[in-house]
Amino acid sequence: MRKGMVFFLLLAFVVGLAGCQSLIKTPVRPPQGWIYTKVRAPLTVNCHGTKTAGNKVGVATTTFLSIPLYYVSLDFAWDDCDVKKAADQGGITTVYYADYELEQVLGIFGRFTVRVYGE
């Protein structure tokens, strides 16, 4: 009887902590649709005085799978998708502007792309 009570309390604690994942703050939080989402938006927050075009463009893409469970989800991603990788891919040493594109199906499978513009 005592082992069952300890297990129940431990399970309740773990499930309670699972709800904390919503407190995670990210620099990019695109809107999500229920069936299909495709969004393209700037990564740059302060666009005043920012050059929006350069001679070169670099792209980095990641593909991901998110399997939703009760309070948590199992998330898998393939490849890196960041500004540095996109700049390296495009041969860019000075980044002027960056944007992203998210394409997602049913909130489970998706592709996230970062584009970097610069010299």
Protein backbone atom coordinates (compact mmCIF):
# COMPACT_ATOMS: atom_id res chain seq x y z
CA MET A 1 0.00 0.00 0.00
CA ARG A 2 2.79 2.41 0.85
CA LYS A 3 4.63 1.80 -2.48
CA GLY A 4 1.41 2.59 -4.35
CA MET A 5 1.06 5.93 -2.53
CA VAL A 6 4.69 6.89 -3.26
CA PHE A 7 4.23 5.98 -6.93
CA PHE A 8 1.01 8.04 -7.13
CA LEU A 9 2.66 11.10 -5.56
CA LEU A 10 5.68 10.79 -7.86
CA LEU A 11 3.41 10.46 -10.89
CA ALA A 12 1.35 13.50 -9.81
CA PHE A 13 4.57 15.52 -9.38
CA VAL A 14 5.89 14.57 -12.85
CA VAL A 15 2.54 15.33 -14.52
CA GLY A 16 2.42 18.67 -12.69
CA LEU A 17 5.87 19.60 -13.98
CA ALA A 18 4.90 18.69 -17.53
CA GLY A 19 2.60 21.72 -17.62
CA CYS A 20 5.62 24.00 -17.10
CA GLN A 21 6.73 23.58 -20.70
CA SER A 22 4.30 26.35 -21.68
CA LEU A 23 6.47 28.79 -19.71
CA ILE A 24 9.32 28.39 -22.18
CA LYS A 25 9.97 31.60 -24.09
CA THR A 26 11.22 31.45 -27.66
CA PRO A 27 12.35 34.22 -30.01
CA VAL A 28 10.01 32.94 -32.74
CA ARG A 29 6.48 31.81 -31.93
CA PRO A 30 4.50 31.66 -35.18
CA PRO A 31 0.73 31.22 -35.19
CA GLN A 32 -0.52 27.67 -35.71
CA GLY A 33 -3.42 26.44 -37.75
CA TRP A 34 -5.30 23.24 -37.01
CA ILE A 35 -4.81 21.54 -40.37
CA TYR A 36 -2.19 23.44 -42.36
CA THR A 37 0.03 26.40 -41.52
CA LYS A 38 2.35 28.35 -43.78
CA VAL A 39 3.82 31.56 -42.38
CA ARG A 40 6.68 33.78 -43.54
CA ALA A 41 7.78 36.65 -41.34
CA PRO A 42 10.89 38.65 -40.38
CA LEU A 43 13.22 37.45 -37.64
CA THR A 44 14.39 41.02 -37.16
CA VAL A 45 12.36 42.75 -34.45
CA ASN A 46 13.63 46.32 -34.91
CA CYS A 47 13.49 47.06 -38.65
CA HIS A 48 14.10 50.83 -38.50
CA GLY A 49 17.27 51.60 -40.42
CA THR A 50 17.85 47.94 -41.32
CA LYS A 51 19.00 47.10 -44.82
CA THR A 52 16.49 44.60 -46.17
CA ALA A 53 18.46 43.31 -49.11
CA GLY A 54 21.96 42.19 -49.76
CA ASN A 55 23.90 40.70 -52.63
CA LYS A 56 23.80 37.21 -51.08
CA VAL A 57 21.14 34.93 -49.60
CA GLY A 58 21.76 31.96 -47.30
CA VAL A 59 19.20 29.34 -46.33
CA ALA A 60 19.05 26.79 -43.50
CA THR A 61 16.15 24.35 -43.09
CA THR A 62 15.10 21.85 -40.46
CA THR A 63 12.36 19.26 -40.65
CA PHE A 64 10.57 18.23 -37.47
CA LEU A 65 8.05 15.78 -36.09
CA SER A 66 6.07 16.46 -32.91
CA ILE A 67 4.02 13.64 -31.42
CA PRO A 68 1.56 15.09 -28.88
CA LEU A 69 0.91 13.14 -25.69
CA TYR A 70 -1.26 14.06 -22.71
CA TYR A 71 0.73 16.97 -21.23
CA VAL A 72 3.98 16.66 -23.15
CA SER A 73 5.08 15.95 -26.68
CA LEU A 74 7.88 13.93 -28.20
CA ASP A 75 9.77 16.27 -30.51
CA PHE A 76 12.28 15.19 -33.15
CA ALA A 77 14.15 17.48 -35.54
CA TRP A 78 16.62 16.85 -38.32
CA ASP A 79 19.40 19.33 -39.09
CA ASP A 80 20.18 22.75 -37.64
CA CYS A 81 18.29 25.86 -38.59
CA ASP A 82 19.92 29.06 -37.36
CA VAL A 83 21.20 32.35 -38.68
CA LYS A 84 24.86 31.30 -38.49
CA LYS A 85 24.32 28.16 -40.54
CA ALA A 86 22.30 30.09 -43.14
CA ALA A 87 24.99 32.80 -43.33
CA ASP A 88 27.73 30.18 -43.73
CA GLN A 89 25.73 28.42 -46.45
CA GLY A 90 25.35 31.67 -48.39
CA GLY A 91 28.93 32.87 -47.83
CA ILE A 92 27.68 35.89 -45.87
CA THR A 93 29.96 37.65 -43.41
CA THR A 94 27.73 40.67 -42.68
CA VAL A 95 24.05 39.89 -42.04
CA TYR A 96 21.58 42.68 -42.85
CA TYR A 97 18.27 40.95 -42.49
CA ALA A 98 16.79 37.53 -41.67
CA ASP A 99 13.36 36.01 -42.07
CA TYR A 100 11.76 32.64 -41.46
CA GLU A 101 9.18 30.40 -43.06
CA LEU A 102 7.17 27.75 -41.21
CA GLU A 103 5.17 25.08 -42.99
CA GLN A 104 3.30 22.64 -40.75
CA VAL A 105 0.67 19.91 -41.22
CA LEU A 106 -1.71 18.98 -38.37
CA GLY A 107 0.75 20.44 -35.87
CA ILE A 108 2.71 17.19 -36.15
CA PHE A 109 5.00 17.40 -39.18
CA GLY A 110 6.71 20.56 -40.34
CA ARG A 111 9.59 22.39 -41.93
CA PHE A 112 11.22 25.56 -40.56
CA THR A 113 13.46 27.64 -42.84
CA VAL A 114 15.67 30.63 -42.01
CA ARG A 115 16.78 32.97 -44.81
CA VAL A 116 19.62 35.43 -44.26
CA TYR A 117 20.37 38.40 -46.53
CA GLY A 118 23.68 40.25 -46.50
CA GLU A 119 27.14 40.73 -47.97
